[in-house]
Amino acid sequence: MQRTSFSQFKCPAARALDSVGDWWSILILRDAFQGLSRFDDFQKSLGVAPNILTRRLKHLTDEGLFERRLYHQRPARYEYVLTEKGRDFFPVLMTLFSWGSRHIPEEDLAFLLGDAASGKERETMLVDARTGEEVTPENTSLLAGPAADDEVHERIARMRAWYLGIDA
């Protein structure tokens, strides 16, 4: 089944989803941040069918999240190395991890986030880099970007009215 492309959507979240692809891609990226880079290692970790893994790795490479590098000549074998765009996915993955950790039973938690140097558990939150303020639904809204058209401006006005409790 062909999935819907979000590449023409105006929303950065939708475009990001199109770039990443699907849940397999997110798990492949998770494994890459845990040091995996080779097809066989990804397949062993995920238990995913080879054809699905091949498609997802190709998509992530085409989207610029991985760089494919030859590591063995005969037979030709490649590893998948995170690019800058791929490394920029780390906060997204940590946000998903943190959200999941808060919403599954504690007895089901096999992993926790920790400080690499001290080994102490981390408690995450999304903050504004300029002010250090926590980003929440109550203090965050959309602003019009350079490509905003009338539809975008209407959506922003509707969102602002919702936040202010005004019927739009």
Protein backbone atom coordinates (compact mmCIF):
# COMPACT_ATOMS: atom_id res chain seq x y z
CA MET A 1 0.00 0.00 0.00
CA GLN A 2 1.40 3.39 -1.03
CA ARG A 3 1.47 5.91 1.78
CA THR A 4 0.35 9.49 1.37
CA SER A 5 3.12 11.99 0.77
CA PHE A 6 3.14 15.12 2.92
CA SER A 7 5.93 16.75 0.91
CA GLN A 8 3.64 19.51 -0.38
CA PHE A 9 2.04 20.32 2.98
CA LYS A 10 2.79 23.75 4.44
CA CYS A 11 3.17 22.43 8.00
CA PRO A 12 6.75 21.68 9.11
CA ALA A 13 5.51 18.77 11.26
CA ALA A 14 3.84 17.12 8.26
CA ARG A 15 6.92 17.71 6.09
CA ALA A 16 9.14 16.24 8.81
CA LEU A 17 6.95 13.13 8.94
CA ASP A 18 7.32 12.79 5.19
CA SER A 19 11.09 13.06 5.53
CA VAL A 20 11.32 10.46 8.29
CA GLY A 21 8.76 8.11 6.79
CA ASP A 22 7.22 5.75 9.32
CA TRP A 23 7.73 3.99 12.64
CA TRP A 24 10.38 1.64 11.18
CA SER A 25 12.41 4.69 10.18
CA ILE A 26 12.18 6.14 13.67
CA LEU A 27 13.36 2.83 15.15
CA ILE A 28 16.21 2.65 12.61
CA LEU A 29 17.25 6.16 13.66
CA ARG A 30 16.98 5.12 17.33
CA ASP A 31 19.33 2.21 16.65
CA ALA A 32 21.75 4.47 14.77
CA PHE A 33 21.99 6.68 17.88
CA GLN A 34 22.81 3.48 19.80
CA GLY A 35 25.78 2.80 17.53
CA LEU A 36 24.33 0.57 14.82
CA SER A 37 25.24 1.35 11.22
CA ARG A 38 25.11 -1.90 9.24
CA PHE A 39 22.16 -3.56 7.55
CA ASP A 40 22.57 -6.88 9.38
CA ASP A 41 22.77 -5.12 12.75
CA PHE A 42 19.60 -3.12 12.07
CA GLN A 43 17.81 -6.27 10.91
CA LYS A 44 18.89 -8.25 13.98
CA SER A 45 17.87 -5.44 16.34
CA LEU A 46 14.49 -4.76 14.75
CA GLY A 47 13.46 -8.15 13.38
CA VAL A 48 12.15 -6.33 10.32
CA ALA A 49 11.83 -8.01 6.91
CA PRO A 50 14.84 -7.30 4.66
CA ASN A 51 12.72 -5.69 1.92
CA ILE A 52 11.16 -3.25 4.41
CA LEU A 53 14.56 -2.41 5.92
CA THR A 54 16.04 -1.88 2.45
CA ARG A 55 13.24 0.54 1.51
CA ARG A 56 13.46 2.45 4.79
CA LEU A 57 17.26 2.81 4.62
CA LYS A 58 17.01 3.97 1.00
CA HIS A 59 14.34 6.51 1.95
CA LEU A 60 16.35 7.82 4.92
CA THR A 61 19.43 8.08 2.69
CA ASP A 62 17.49 9.81 -0.12
CA GLU A 63 16.07 12.25 2.47
CA GLY A 64 19.58 13.07 3.71
CA LEU A 65 19.35 11.54 7.21
CA PHE A 66 21.95 8.87 6.43
CA GLU A 67 25.02 8.75 4.25
CA ARG A 68 25.71 5.35 2.71
CA ARG A 69 29.41 4.41 2.95
CA LEU A 70 31.22 1.41 1.50
CA TYR A 71 33.02 -0.51 4.27
CA HIS A 72 33.82 -3.76 2.42
CA GLN A 73 34.75 -4.22 -1.27
CA ARG A 74 33.94 -7.86 -2.12
CA PRO A 75 31.12 -8.36 -1.73
CA ALA A 76 30.17 -4.70 -1.58
CA ARG A 77 28.88 -3.88 1.92
CA TYR A 78 27.66 -0.50 3.10
CA GLU A 79 27.10 1.16 6.43
CA TYR A 80 24.64 3.94 7.14
CA VAL A 81 26.12 6.92 8.94
CA LEU A 82 24.00 9.70 10.40
CA THR A 83 24.34 13.04 8.62
CA GLU A 84 23.88 16.42 10.29
CA LYS A 85 20.18 16.25 9.36
CA GLY A 86 20.01 12.75 10.87
CA ARG A 87 21.73 13.88 14.07
CA ASP A 88 19.24 16.75 14.29
CA PHE A 89 16.54 14.09 14.76
CA PHE A 90 17.94 13.25 18.21
CA PRO A 91 15.75 15.71 20.17
CA VAL A 92 12.65 14.36 18.40
CA LEU A 93 13.59 10.82 19.37
CA MET A 94 14.29 11.84 22.96
CA THR A 95 10.93 13.62 23.14
CA LEU A 96 9.17 10.45 21.94
CA PHE A 97 11.19 8.40 24.43
CA SER A 98 10.34 10.75 27.29
CA TRP A 99 6.66 10.86 26.38
CA GLY A 100 6.57 7.06 26.17
CA SER A 101 8.34 6.74 29.52
CA ARG A 102 5.72 8.94 31.18
CA HIS A 103 2.79 7.02 29.73
CA ILE A 104 3.66 3.35 30.08
CA PRO A 105 3.55 1.47 33.38
CA GLU A 106 6.73 1.90 35.41
CA GLU A 107 7.15 -1.88 35.67
CA ASP A 108 7.38 -2.00 31.85
CA LEU A 109 10.29 0.49 31.63
CA ALA A 110 13.39 -1.34 30.43
CA PHE A 111 15.33 1.85 29.62
CA LEU A 112 15.70 5.26 31.25
CA LEU A 113 17.46 8.35 29.92
CA GLY A 114 20.65 9.21 31.71
CA ASP A 115 23.52 11.67 31.70
CA ALA A 116 26.37 10.01 29.78
CA ALA A 117 29.07 11.34 32.12
CA SER A 118 27.47 10.92 35.53
CA GLY A 119 25.05 8.07 34.87
CA LYS A 120 22.30 9.99 36.68
CA GLU A 121 18.79 9.79 35.30
CA ARG A 122 17.70 12.70 33.11
CA GLU A 123 14.36 14.46 33.31
CA THR A 124 13.59 16.03 29.96
CA MET A 125 11.50 18.96 28.84
CA LEU A 126 11.33 21.11 25.73
CA VAL A 127 12.68 24.62 26.29
CA ASP A 128 13.04 27.77 24.24
CA ALA A 129 16.75 28.12 23.43
CA ARG A 130 16.60 31.93 23.72
CA THR A 131 14.80 32.22 27.06
CA GLY A 132 15.15 28.81 28.71
CA GLU A 133 11.38 28.83 29.25
CA GLU A 134 9.57 25.49 29.01
CA VAL A 135 7.55 25.21 25.80
CA THR A 136 3.94 24.25 26.61
CA PRO A 137 0.61 24.38 24.78
CA GLU A 138 -0.37 27.28 27.02
CA ASN A 139 2.56 29.53 26.09
CA THR A 140 3.16 28.57 22.45
CA SER A 141 1.41 29.54 19.23
CA LEU A 142 2.09 29.47 15.54
CA LEU A 143 3.41 32.51 13.71
CA ALA A 144 3.22 33.17 9.99
CA GLY A 145 6.36 32.22 8.11
CA PRO A 146 7.74 33.61 4.85
CA ALA A 147 5.61 31.21 2.74
CA ALA A 148 2.35 31.86 4.63
CA ASP A 149 -0.72 32.33 2.45
CA ASP A 150 -4.31 33.27 3.37
CA GLU A 151 -5.10 29.71 4.48
CA VAL A 152 -2.15 29.73 6.89
CA HIS A 153 -3.14 33.12 8.28
CA GLU A 154 -6.70 31.84 8.83
CA ARG A 155 -5.39 28.75 10.65
CA ILE A 156 -3.19 30.90 12.89
CA ALA A 157 -6.12 33.22 13.68
CA ARG A 158 -8.30 30.19 14.55
CA MET A 159 -5.58 28.79 16.82
CA ARG A 160 -5.09 32.11 18.61
CA ALA A 161 -8.86 32.45 19.12
CA TRP A 162 -8.97 28.92 20.57
CA TYR A 163 -6.17 29.75 23.00
CA LEU A 164 -7.90 32.93 24.05
CA GLY A 165 -11.27 31.14 24.42
CA ILE A 166 -12.92 33.22 21.70
CA ASP A 167 -15.40 31.71 19.23
CA ALA A 168 -13.83 32.09 15.82
